[in-house]
PDB file of N, CA and C in Angstrom:
ATOM      1  N   UNK A   1       0.857  -1.177   0.000  1.00  0.00           N
ATOM      2  CA  UNK A   1       0.000   0.000   0.000  1.00  0.00           C
ATOM      3  C   UNK A   1       0.890   1.223   0.000  1.00  0.00           C
ATOM      4  N   UNK A   2       0.608   2.127  -0.854  1.00  0.00           N
ATOM      5  CA  UNK A   2       1.412   3.329  -0.966  1.00  0.00           C
ATOM      6  C   UNK A   2       0.933   4.431  -0.055  1.00  0.00           C
ATOM      7  N   UNK A   3       1.372   5.615  -0.370  1.00  0.00           N
ATOM      8  CA  UNK A   3       1.016   6.778   0.423  1.00  0.00           C
ATOM      9  C   UNK A   3      -0.486   7.069   0.302  1.00  0.00           C
ATOM     10  N   UNK A   4      -1.080   7.478   1.401  1.00  0.00           N
ATOM     11  CA  UNK A   4      -2.510   7.792   1.412  1.00  0.00           C
ATOM     12  C   UNK A   4      -2.751   9.101   0.680  1.00  0.00           C
ATOM     13  N   UNK A   5      -3.771   9.109  -0.166  1.00  0.00           N
ATOM     14  CA  UNK A   5      -4.153  10.323  -0.867  1.00  0.00           C
ATOM     15  C   UNK A   5      -4.784  11.301   0.121  1.00  0.00           C
ATOM     16  N   UNK A   6      -4.382  12.547   0.038  1.00  0.00           N
ATOM     17  CA  UNK A   6      -5.005  13.559   0.896  1.00  0.00           C
ATOM     18  C   UNK A   6      -6.478  13.690   0.513  1.00  0.00           C
ATOM     19  N   UNK A   7      -7.306  13.895   1.481  1.00  0.00           N
ATOM     20  CA  UNK A   7      -8.724  14.034   1.232  1.00  0.00           C
ATOM     21  C   UNK A   7      -9.516  12.773   1.542  1.00  0.00           C
ATOM     22  N   UNK A   8      -8.826  11.648   1.731  1.00  0.00           N
ATOM     23  CA  UNK A   8      -9.548  10.443   2.138  1.00  0.00           C
ATOM     24  C   UNK A   8     -10.180  10.697   3.494  1.00  0.00           C
ATOM     25  N   UNK A   9     -11.417  10.276   3.671  1.00  0.00           N
ATOM     26  CA  UNK A   9     -12.112  10.521   4.923  1.00  0.00           C
ATOM     27  C   UNK A   9     -12.105   9.327   5.860  1.00  0.00           C
ATOM     28  N   UNK A  10     -11.628   8.172   5.370  1.00  0.00           N
ATOM     29  CA  UNK A  10     -11.552   7.001   6.240  1.00  0.00           C
ATOM     30  C   UNK A  10     -10.496   6.049   5.695  1.00  0.00           C
ATOM     31  N   UNK A  11      -9.917   5.220   6.579  1.00  0.00           N
ATOM     32  CA  UNK A  11      -8.951   4.235   6.094  1.00  0.00           C
ATOM     33  C   UNK A  11      -9.655   3.204   5.209  1.00  0.00           C
ATOM     34  N   UNK A  12      -8.909   2.635   4.278  1.00  0.00           N
ATOM     35  CA  UNK A  12      -9.506   1.690   3.328  1.00  0.00           C
ATOM     36  C   UNK A  12     -10.122   0.481   4.008  1.00  0.00           C
ATOM     37  N   UNK A  13      -9.664   0.121   5.201  1.00  0.00           N
ATOM     38  CA  UNK A  13     -10.136  -1.088   5.875  1.00  0.00           C
ATOM     39  C   UNK A  13     -10.932  -0.767   7.135  1.00  0.00           C
ATOM     40  N   UNK A  14     -11.682   0.299   7.084  1.00  0.00           N
ATOM     41  CA  UNK A  14     -12.445   0.734   8.255  1.00  0.00           C
ATOM     42  C   UNK A  14     -13.420  -0.335   8.730  1.00  0.00           C
ATOM     43  N   UNK A  15     -14.059  -1.032   7.821  1.00  0.00           N
ATOM     44  CA  UNK A  15     -15.036  -2.051   8.225  1.00  0.00           C
ATOM     45  C   UNK A  15     -14.360  -3.169   9.041  1.00  0.00           C
ATOM     46  N   UNK A  16     -13.197  -3.615   8.602  1.00  0.00           N
ATOM     47  CA  UNK A  16     -12.481  -4.665   9.323  1.00  0.00           C
ATOM     48  C   UNK A  16     -11.999  -4.164  10.685  1.00  0.00           C
ATOM     49  N   UNK A  17     -11.526  -2.923  10.717  1.00  0.00           N
ATOM     50  CA  UNK A  17     -11.085  -2.328  11.979  1.00  0.00           C
ATOM     51  C   UNK A  17     -12.260  -2.210  12.951  1.00  0.00           C
ATOM     52  N   UNK A  18     -13.390  -1.772  12.446  1.00  0.00           N
ATOM     53  CA  UNK A  18     -14.584  -1.614  13.269  1.00  0.00           C
ATOM     54  C   UNK A  18     -15.047  -2.958  13.818  1.00  0.00           C
ATOM     55  N   UNK A  19     -14.954  -3.993  13.003  1.00  0.00           N
ATOM     56  CA  UNK A  19     -15.336  -5.331  13.454  1.00  0.00           C
ATOM     57  C   UNK A  19     -14.437  -5.782  14.605  1.00  0.00           C
ATOM     58  N   UNK A  20     -13.137  -5.544  14.504  1.00  0.00           N
ATOM     59  CA  UNK A  20     -12.203  -5.931  15.571  1.00  0.00           C
ATOM     60  C   UNK A  20     -12.522  -5.183  16.860  1.00  0.00           C
ATOM     61  N   UNK A  21     -12.789  -3.887  16.756  1.00  0.00           N
ATOM     62  CA  UNK A  21     -13.136  -3.098  17.946  1.00  0.00           C
ATOM     63  C   UNK A  21     -14.474  -3.559  18.527  1.00  0.00           C
ATOM     64  N   UNK A  22     -15.411  -3.925  17.671  1.00  0.00           N
ATOM     65  CA  UNK A  22     -16.702  -4.429  18.138  1.00  0.00           C
ATOM     66  C   UNK A  22     -16.565  -5.723  18.925  1.00  0.00           C
ATOM     67  N   UNK A  23     -15.676  -6.607  18.474  1.00  0.00           N
ATOM     68  CA  UNK A  23     -15.423  -7.852  19.210  1.00  0.00           C
ATOM     69  C   UNK A  23     -14.857  -7.548  20.592  1.00  0.00           C
ATOM     70  N   UNK A  24     -13.983  -6.566  20.661  1.00  0.00           N
ATOM     71  CA  UNK A  24     -13.400  -6.162  21.944  1.00  0.00           C
ATOM     72  C   UNK A  24     -14.501  -5.665  22.886  1.00  0.00           C
ATOM     73  N   UNK A  25     -15.379  -4.851  22.375  1.00  0.00           N
ATOM     74  CA  UNK A  25     -16.479  -4.306  23.176  1.00  0.00           C
ATOM     75  C   UNK A  25     -17.408  -5.429  23.646  1.00  0.00           C
ATOM     76  N   UNK A  26     -17.742  -6.354  22.749  1.00  0.00           N
ATOM     77  CA  UNK A  26     -18.620  -7.473  23.128  1.00  0.00           C
ATOM     78  C   UNK A  26     -17.991  -8.315  24.234  1.00  0.00           C
ATOM     79  N   UNK A  27     -16.701  -8.595  24.118  1.00  0.00           N
ATOM     80  CA  UNK A  27     -16.040  -9.415  25.133  1.00  0.00           C
ATOM     81  C   UNK A  27     -15.941  -8.682  26.463  1.00  0.00           C
ATOM     82  N   UNK A  28     -15.696  -7.385  26.421  1.00  0.00           N
ATOM     83  CA  UNK A  28     -15.662  -6.598  27.657  1.00  0.00           C
ATOM     84  C   UNK A  28     -17.033  -6.629  28.322  1.00  0.00           C
ATOM     85  N   UNK A  29     -18.078  -6.416  27.543  1.00  0.00           N
ATOM     86  CA  UNK A  29     -19.439  -6.459  28.083  1.00  0.00           C
ATOM     87  C   UNK A  29     -19.736  -7.828  28.687  1.00  0.00           C
ATOM     88  N   UNK A  30     -19.380  -8.894  27.961  1.00  0.00           N
ATOM     89  CA  UNK A  30     -19.639 -10.256  28.424  1.00  0.00           C
ATOM     90  C   UNK A  30     -18.930 -10.542  29.743  1.00  0.00           C
ATOM     91  N   UNK A  31     -17.655 -10.145  29.847  1.00  0.00           N
ATOM     92  CA  UNK A  31     -16.912 -10.386  31.092  1.00  0.00           C
ATOM     93  C   UNK A  31     -17.474  -9.557  32.240  1.00  0.00           C
ATOM     94  N   UNK A  32     -17.820  -8.309  31.969  1.00  0.00           N
ATOM     95  CA  UNK A  32     -18.410  -7.478  33.020  1.00  0.00           C
ATOM     96  C   UNK A  32     -19.722  -8.073  33.521  1.00  0.00           C
ATOM     97  N   UNK A  33     -20.529  -8.612  32.617  1.00  0.00           N
ATOM     98  CA  UNK A  33     -21.782  -9.253  33.024  1.00  0.00           C
ATOM     99  C   UNK A  33     -21.509 -10.515  33.831  1.00  0.00           C
ATOM    100  N   UNK A  34     -20.604 -11.339  33.336  1.00  0.00           N
ATOM    101  CA  UNK A  34     -20.315 -12.623  33.983  1.00  0.00           C
ATOM    102  C   UNK A  34     -19.771 -12.439  35.396  1.00  0.00           C
ATOM    103  N   UNK A  35     -18.869 -11.473  35.569  1.00  0.00           N
ATOM    104  CA  UNK A  35     -18.209 -11.290  36.864  1.00  0.00           C
ATOM    105  C   UNK A  35     -18.805 -10.140  37.682  1.00  0.00           C
ATOM    106  N   UNK A  36     -19.901  -9.559  37.170  1.00  0.00           N
ATOM    107  CA  UNK A  36     -20.583  -8.456  37.851  1.00  0.00           C
ATOM    108  C   UNK A  36     -19.609  -7.335  38.201  1.00  0.00           C
ATOM    109  N   UNK A  37     -18.859  -6.906  37.183  1.00  0.00           N
ATOM    110  CA  UNK A  37     -17.876  -5.831  37.326  1.00  0.00           C
ATOM    111  C   UNK A  37     -18.234  -4.709  36.361  1.00  0.00           C
ATOM    112  N   UNK A  38     -17.473  -3.654  36.386  1.00  0.00           N
ATOM    113  CA  UNK A  38     -17.713  -2.534  35.471  1.00  0.00           C
ATOM    114  C   UNK A  38     -16.392  -1.978  34.932  1.00  0.00           C
ATOM    115  N   UNK A  39     -15.543  -2.879  34.484  1.00  0.00           N
ATOM    116  CA  UNK A  39     -14.259  -2.465  33.922  1.00  0.00           C
ATOM    117  C   UNK A  39     -14.462  -1.717  32.608  1.00  0.00           C
ATOM    118  N   UNK A  40     -13.588  -0.764  32.353  1.00  0.00           N
ATOM    119  CA  UNK A  40     -13.639   0.019  31.120  1.00  0.00           C
ATOM    120  C   UNK A  40     -12.694  -0.480  30.049  1.00  0.00           C
ATOM    121  N   UNK A  41     -11.818  -1.392  30.399  1.00  0.00           N
ATOM    122  CA  UNK A  41     -10.828  -1.916  29.449  1.00  0.00           C
ATOM    123  C   UNK A  41     -10.839  -3.433  29.494  1.00  0.00           C
ATOM    124  N   UNK A  42     -10.802  -4.042  28.309  1.00  0.00           N
ATOM    125  CA  UNK A  42     -10.825  -5.492  28.242  1.00  0.00           C
ATOM    126  C   UNK A  42      -9.632  -6.109  28.960  1.00  0.00           C
ATOM    127  N   UNK A  43      -8.467  -5.499  28.863  1.00  0.00           N
ATOM    128  CA  UNK A  43      -7.285  -6.072  29.522  1.00  0.00           C
ATOM    129  C   UNK A  43      -7.491  -6.206  31.029  1.00  0.00           C
ATOM    130  N   UNK A  44      -8.142  -5.236  31.640  1.00  0.00           N
ATOM    131  CA  UNK A  44      -8.412  -5.289  33.076  1.00  0.00           C
ATOM    132  C   UNK A  44      -9.448  -6.361  33.394  1.00  0.00           C
ATOM    133  N   UNK A  45     -10.465  -6.459  32.550  1.00  0.00           N
ATOM    134  CA  UNK A  45     -11.487  -7.492  32.750  1.00  0.00           C
ATOM    135  C   UNK A  45     -10.894  -8.888  32.574  1.00  0.00           C
ATOM    136  N   UNK A  46      -9.978  -9.037  31.621  1.00  0.00           N
ATOM    137  CA  UNK A  46      -9.308 -10.325  31.418  1.00  0.00           C
ATOM    138  C   UNK A  46      -8.489 -10.689  32.654  1.00  0.00           C
ATOM    139  N   UNK A  47      -7.760  -9.721  33.192  1.00  0.00           N
ATOM    140  CA  UNK A  47      -6.942  -9.975  34.388  1.00  0.00           C
ATOM    141  C   UNK A  47      -7.831 -10.413  35.554  1.00  0.00           C
ATOM    142  N   UNK A  48      -8.972  -9.760  35.718  1.00  0.00           N
ATOM    143  CA  UNK A  48      -9.910 -10.128  36.776  1.00  0.00           C
ATOM    144  C   UNK A  48     -10.405 -11.566  36.552  1.00  0.00           C
ATOM    145  N   UNK A  49     -10.799 -11.853  35.327  1.00  0.00           N
ATOM    146  CA  UNK A  49     -11.301 -13.199  35.011  1.00  0.00           C
ATOM    147  C   UNK A  49     -10.222 -14.248  35.235  1.00  0.00           C
ATOM    148  N   UNK A  50      -9.008 -13.902  34.913  1.00  0.00           N
ATOM    149  CA  UNK A  50      -7.883 -14.837  35.112  1.00  0.00           C
ATOM    150  C   UNK A  50      -7.729 -15.178  36.592  1.00  0.00           C
ATOM    151  N   UNK A  51      -7.857 -14.161  37.428  1.00  0.00           N
ATOM    152  CA  UNK A  51      -7.753 -14.384  38.883  1.00  0.00           C
ATOM    153  C   UNK A  51      -8.919 -15.216  39.410  1.00  0.00           C
ATOM    154  N   UNK A  52      -9.995 -15.288  38.642  1.00  0.00           N
ATOM    155  CA  UNK A  52     -11.194 -16.009  39.074  1.00  0.00           C
ATOM    156  C   UNK A  52     -11.453 -17.257  38.227  1.00  0.00           C
ATOM    157  N   UNK A  53     -10.391 -17.867  37.729  1.00  0.00           N
ATOM    158  CA  UNK A  53     -10.505 -19.180  37.113  1.00  0.00           C
ATOM    159  C   UNK A  53     -10.593 -19.260  35.604  1.00  0.00           C
ATOM    160  N   UNK A  54     -10.388 -18.178  34.891  1.00  0.00           N
ATOM    161  CA  UNK A  54     -10.405 -18.230  33.431  1.00  0.00           C
ATOM    162  C   UNK A  54      -9.325 -19.196  32.946  1.00  0.00           C
ATOM    163  N   UNK A  55      -9.695 -20.148  32.085  1.00  0.00           N
ATOM    164  CA  UNK A  55      -8.719 -21.146  31.640  1.00  0.00           C
ATOM    165  C   UNK A  55      -7.753 -20.573  30.606  1.00  0.00           C
ATOM    166  N   UNK A  56      -6.677 -21.295  30.365  1.00  0.00           N
ATOM    167  CA  UNK A  56      -5.595 -20.829  29.489  1.00  0.00           C
ATOM    168  C   UNK A  56      -6.067 -20.570  28.055  1.00  0.00           C
ATOM    169  N   UNK A  57      -6.883 -21.447  27.522  1.00  0.00           N
ATOM    170  CA  UNK A  57      -7.334 -21.304  26.133  1.00  0.00           C
ATOM    171  C   UNK A  57      -8.173 -20.040  25.972  1.00  0.00           C
ATOM    172  N   UNK A  58      -9.114 -19.834  26.872  1.00  0.00           N
ATOM    173  CA  UNK A  58      -9.969 -18.642  26.803  1.00  0.00           C
ATOM    174  C   UNK A  58      -9.154 -17.385  27.060  1.00  0.00           C
ATOM    175  N   UNK A  59      -8.214 -17.450  27.971  1.00  0.00           N
ATOM    176  CA  UNK A  59      -7.333 -16.318  28.247  1.00  0.00           C
ATOM    177  C   UNK A  59      -6.592 -15.914  26.967  1.00  0.00           C
ATOM    178  N   UNK A  60      -6.002 -16.872  26.289  1.00  0.00           N
ATOM    179  CA  UNK A  60      -5.255 -16.579  25.067  1.00  0.00           C
ATOM    180  C   UNK A  60      -6.171 -16.023  23.975  1.00  0.00           C
ATOM    181  N   UNK A  61      -7.367 -16.562  23.853  1.00  0.00           N
ATOM    182  CA  UNK A  61      -8.318 -16.057  22.865  1.00  0.00           C
ATOM    183  C   UNK A  61      -8.688 -14.601  23.138  1.00  0.00           C
ATOM    184  N   UNK A  62      -8.981 -14.310  24.410  1.00  0.00           N
ATOM    185  CA  UNK A  62      -9.349 -12.941  24.778  1.00  0.00           C
ATOM    186  C   UNK A  62      -8.180 -11.972  24.607  1.00  0.00           C
ATOM    187  N   UNK A  63      -6.987 -12.415  24.940  1.00  0.00           N
ATOM    188  CA  UNK A  63      -5.801 -11.574  24.737  1.00  0.00           C
ATOM    189  C   UNK A  63      -5.648 -11.222  23.259  1.00  0.00           C
ATOM    190  N   UNK A  64      -5.876 -12.178  22.376  1.00  0.00           N
ATOM    191  CA  UNK A  64      -5.763 -11.929  20.946  1.00  0.00           C
ATOM    192  C   UNK A  64      -6.846 -10.962  20.468  1.00  0.00           C
ATOM    193  N   UNK A  65      -8.069 -11.150  20.939  1.00  0.00           N
ATOM    194  CA  UNK A  65      -9.151 -10.218  20.597  1.00  0.00           C
ATOM    195  C   UNK A  65      -8.751  -8.807  21.000  1.00  0.00           C
ATOM    196  N   UNK A  66      -8.198  -8.659  22.194  1.00  0.00           N
ATOM    197  CA  UNK A  66      -7.806  -7.344  22.689  1.00  0.00           C
ATOM    198  C   UNK A  66      -6.666  -6.745  21.868  1.00  0.00           C
ATOM    199  N   UNK A  67      -5.667  -7.543  21.549  1.00  0.00           N
ATOM    200  CA  UNK A  67      -4.523  -7.051  20.766  1.00  0.00           C
ATOM    201  C   UNK A  67      -4.948  -6.647  19.355  1.00  0.00           C
ATOM    202  N   UNK A  68      -5.802  -7.467  18.747  1.00  0.00           N
ATOM    203  CA  UNK A  68      -6.293  -7.136  17.403  1.00  0.00           C
ATOM    204  C   UNK A  68      -7.040  -5.808  17.415  1.00  0.00           C
ATOM    205  N   UNK A  69      -7.903  -5.628  18.393  1.00  0.00           N
ATOM    206  CA  UNK A  69      -8.695  -4.397  18.454  1.00  0.00           C
ATOM    207  C   UNK A  69      -7.811  -3.190  18.714  1.00  0.00           C
ATOM    208  N   UNK A  70      -6.872  -3.324  19.628  1.00  0.00           N
ATOM    209  CA  UNK A  70      -5.976  -2.198  19.898  1.00  0.00           C
ATOM    210  C   UNK A  70      -5.148  -1.849  18.674  1.00  0.00           C
ATOM    211  N   UNK A  71      -4.672  -2.848  17.960  1.00  0.00           N
ATOM    212  CA  UNK A  71      -3.933  -2.600  16.730  1.00  0.00           C
ATOM    213  C   UNK A  71      -4.833  -1.919  15.700  1.00  0.00           C
ATOM    214  N   UNK A  72      -6.068  -2.374  15.589  1.00  0.00           N
ATOM    215  CA  UNK A  72      -7.009  -1.789  14.637  1.00  0.00           C
ATOM    216  C   UNK A  72      -7.268  -0.319  14.935  1.00  0.00           C
ATOM    217  N   UNK A  73      -7.271   0.024  16.208  1.00  0.00           N
ATOM    218  CA  UNK A  73      -7.564   1.400  16.604  1.00  0.00           C
ATOM    219  C   UNK A  73      -6.349   2.312  16.543  1.00  0.00           C
ATOM    220  N   UNK A  74      -5.138   1.739  16.552  1.00  0.00           N
ATOM    221  CA  UNK A  74      -3.954   2.584  16.706  1.00  0.00           C
ATOM    222  C   UNK A  74      -2.887   2.453  15.627  1.00  0.00           C
ATOM    223  N   UNK A  75      -2.885   1.379  14.846  1.00  0.00           N
ATOM    224  CA  UNK A  75      -1.828   1.162  13.858  1.00  0.00           C
ATOM    225  C   UNK A  75      -2.255   1.561  12.457  1.00  0.00           C
ATOM    226  N   UNK A  76      -1.300   2.109  11.704  1.00  0.00           N
ATOM    227  CA  UNK A  76      -1.510   2.379  10.289  1.00  0.00           C
ATOM    228  C   UNK A  76      -2.539   3.435   9.975  1.00  0.00           C
ATOM    229  N   UNK A  77      -2.658   4.427  10.819  1.00  0.00           N
ATOM    230  CA  UNK A  77      -3.653   5.473  10.579  1.00  0.00           C
ATOM    231  C   UNK A  77      -3.035   6.800  10.154  1.00  0.00           C
ATOM    232  N   UNK A  78      -1.739   6.780   9.856  1.00  0.00           N
ATOM    233  CA  UNK A  78      -1.063   7.993   9.411  1.00  0.00           C
ATOM    234  C   UNK A  78      -1.007   8.075   7.898  1.00  0.00           C
ATOM    235  N   UNK A  79      -0.166   8.961   7.417  1.00  0.00           N
ATOM    236  CA  UNK A  79      -0.020   9.171   5.976  1.00  0.00           C
ATOM    237  C   UNK A  79       0.872   8.127   5.326  1.00  0.00           C
ATOM    238  N   UNK A  80       1.211   7.072   6.059  1.00  0.00           N
ATOM    239  CA  UNK A  80       2.109   6.038   5.538  1.00  0.00           C
ATOM    240  C   UNK A  80       1.377   4.950   4.767  1.00  0.00           C
ATOM    241  N   UNK A  81       0.111   5.105   4.529  1.00  0.00           N
ATOM    242  CA  UNK A  81      -0.606   4.142   3.714  1.00  0.00           C
ATOM    243  C   UNK A  81      -1.706   3.394   4.412  1.00  0.00           C
ATOM    244  N   UNK A  82      -1.863   3.573   5.698  1.00  0.00           N
ATOM    245  CA  UNK A  82      -2.964   2.946   6.393  1.00  0.00           C
ATOM    246  C   UNK A  82      -2.829   1.453   6.584  1.00  0.00           C
ATOM    247  N   UNK A  83      -1.636   0.913   6.533  1.00  0.00           N
ATOM    248  CA  UNK A  83      -1.450  -0.528   6.679  1.00  0.00           C
ATOM    249  C   UNK A  83      -1.733  -0.963   8.105  1.00  0.00           C
ATOM    250  N   UNK A  84      -2.430  -2.066   8.205  1.00  0.00           N
ATOM    251  CA  UNK A  84      -2.720  -2.653   9.510  1.00  0.00           C
ATOM    252  C   UNK A  84      -2.581  -4.141   9.377  1.00  0.00           C
ATOM    253  N   UNK A  85      -1.587  -4.720  10.046  1.00  0.00           N
ATOM    254  CA  UNK A  85      -1.446  -6.169  10.091  1.00  0.00           C
ATOM    255  C   UNK A  85      -2.347  -6.648  11.205  1.00  0.00           C
ATOM    256  N   UNK A  86      -3.396  -7.343  10.840  1.00  0.00           N
ATOM    257  CA  UNK A  86      -4.468  -7.633  11.787  1.00  0.00           C
ATOM    258  C   UNK A  86      -4.252  -8.860  12.659  1.00  0.00           C
ATOM    259  N   UNK A  87      -3.057  -9.427  12.684  1.00  0.00           N
ATOM    260  CA  UNK A  87      -2.709 -10.548  13.549  1.00  0.00           C
ATOM    261  C   UNK A  87      -3.452 -11.828  13.206  1.00  0.00           C
ATOM    262  N   UNK A  88      -4.082 -11.903  12.022  1.00  0.00           N
ATOM    263  CA  UNK A  88      -4.803 -13.111  11.648  1.00  0.00           C
ATOM    264  C   UNK A  88      -4.138 -13.771  10.465  1.00  0.00           C
ATOM    265  N   UNK A  89      -4.266 -15.042  10.395  1.00  0.00           N
ATOM    266  CA  UNK A  89      -3.846 -15.820   9.243  1.00  0.00           C
ATOM    267  C   UNK A  89      -5.072 -16.558   8.753  1.00  0.00           C
ATOM    268  N   UNK A  90      -5.642 -16.088   7.663  1.00  0.00           N
ATOM    269  CA  UNK A  90      -6.896 -16.663   7.154  1.00  0.00           C
ATOM    270  C   UNK A  90      -6.758 -18.141   6.817  1.00  0.00           C
ATOM    271  N   UNK A  91      -5.533 -18.621   6.572  1.00  0.00           N
ATOM    272  CA  UNK A  91      -5.351 -20.004   6.191  1.00  0.00           C
ATOM    273  C   UNK A  91      -5.278 -20.968   7.356  1.00  0.00           C
ATOM    274  N   UNK A  92      -5.314 -20.474   8.563  1.00  0.00           N
ATOM    275  CA  UNK A  92      -5.192 -21.369   9.709  1.00  0.00           C
ATOM    276  C   UNK A  92      -6.505 -22.085   9.960  1.00  0.00           C
ATOM    277  N   UNK A  93      -6.433 -23.177  10.657  1.00  0.00           N
ATOM    278  CA  UNK A  93      -7.636 -23.960  10.914  1.00  0.00           C
ATOM    279  C   UNK A  93      -8.596 -23.243  11.844  1.00  0.00           C
ATOM    280  N   UNK A  94      -8.078 -22.437  12.743  1.00  0.00           N
ATOM    281  CA  UNK A  94      -8.945 -21.712  13.666  1.00  0.00           C
ATOM    282  C   UNK A  94      -9.218 -20.296  13.191  1.00  0.00           C
ATOM    283  N   UNK A  95      -8.512 -19.849  12.152  1.00  0.00           N
ATOM    284  CA  UNK A  95      -8.730 -18.504  11.624  1.00  0.00           C
ATOM    285  C   UNK A  95      -7.937 -17.437  12.335  1.00  0.00           C
ATOM    286  N   UNK A  96      -7.262 -17.798  13.438  1.00  0.00           N
ATOM    287  CA  UNK A  96      -6.506 -16.793  14.178  1.00  0.00           C
ATOM    288  C   UNK A  96      -5.159 -17.378  14.571  1.00  0.00           C
ATOM    289  N   UNK A  97      -4.113 -16.689  14.178  1.00  0.00           N
ATOM    290  CA  UNK A  97      -2.765 -17.067  14.567  1.00  0.00           C
ATOM    291  C   UNK A  97      -2.016 -15.786  14.872  1.00  0.00           C
ATOM    292  N   UNK A  98      -1.379 -15.703  16.011  1.00  0.00           N
ATOM    293  CA  UNK A  98      -0.601 -14.515  16.348  1.00  0.00           C
ATOM    294  C   UNK A  98       0.655 -14.522  15.496  1.00  0.00           C
ATOM    295  N   UNK A  99       0.877 -13.437  14.743  1.00  0.00           N
ATOM    296  CA  UNK A  99       2.052 -13.349  13.889  1.00  0.00           C
ATOM    297  C   UNK A  99       3.253 -12.839  14.665  1.00  0.00           C
ATOM    298  N   UNK A 100       3.047 -11.832  15.489  1.00  0.00           N
ATOM    299  CA  UNK A 100       4.139 -11.238  16.256  1.00  0.00           C
ATOM    300  C   UNK A 100       3.693 -11.046  17.688  1.00  0.00           C
ATOM    301  N   UNK A 101       4.592 -11.352  18.600  1.00  0.00           N
ATOM    302  CA  UNK A 101       4.285 -11.066  19.999  1.00  0.00           C
ATOM    303  C   UNK A 101       4.384  -9.576  20.200  1.00  0.00           C
ATOM    304  N   UNK A 102       3.372  -8.985  20.799  1.00  0.00           N
ATOM    305  CA  UNK A 102       3.332  -7.554  21.038  1.00  0.00           C
ATOM    306  C   UNK A 102       2.945  -7.352  22.481  1.00  0.00           C
ATOM    307  N   UNK A 103       3.741  -6.576  23.220  1.00  0.00           N
ATOM    308  CA  UNK A 103       3.351  -6.371  24.609  1.00  0.00           C
ATOM    309  C   UNK A 103       2.380  -5.197  24.694  1.00  0.00           C
ATOM    310  N   UNK A 104       1.648  -5.132  25.753  1.00  0.00           N
ATOM    311  CA  UNK A 104       0.575  -4.148  25.910  1.00  0.00           C
ATOM    312  C   UNK A 104       1.091  -2.716  25.846  1.00  0.00           C
ATOM    313  N   UNK A 105       2.329  -2.466  26.241  1.00  0.00           N
ATOM    314  CA  UNK A 105       2.872  -1.111  26.220  1.00  0.00           C
ATOM    315  C   UNK A 105       2.988  -0.572  24.802  1.00  0.00           C
ATOM    316  N   UNK A 106       3.268  -1.428  23.822  1.00  0.00           N
ATOM    317  CA  UNK A 106       3.420  -0.954  22.460  1.00  0.00           C
ATOM    318  C   UNK A 106       2.093  -0.774  21.744  1.00  0.00           C
ATOM    319  N   UNK A 107       1.019  -1.319  22.296  1.00  0.00           N
ATOM    320  CA  UNK A 107      -0.303  -1.146  21.693  1.00  0.00           C
ATOM    321  C   UNK A 107      -0.927   0.088  22.266  1.00  0.00           C
TER     322      UNK A 107
END
């Protein structure tokens, strides 16, 4: 993807980015309902759930949902072309494979 044309009003992949953020919101809502909490960030809700018995598989799934959404909201939104590596590999059997380890500070 080349340089973004001036005058564009939205990134080319806004729908995909919005879907990732929507998944983050749904999971935050679900965890807040399940644990009767009112966290504002999925990472905090995940940490709470982890302390209250969340299993490893679900923990990893939720972490990926959170990382994808944060990347969608913060990466590739400048004049450098709007590229966003969405952390998914469409060819995988589960549809989701983490390509790069990213710590929460960089997101």
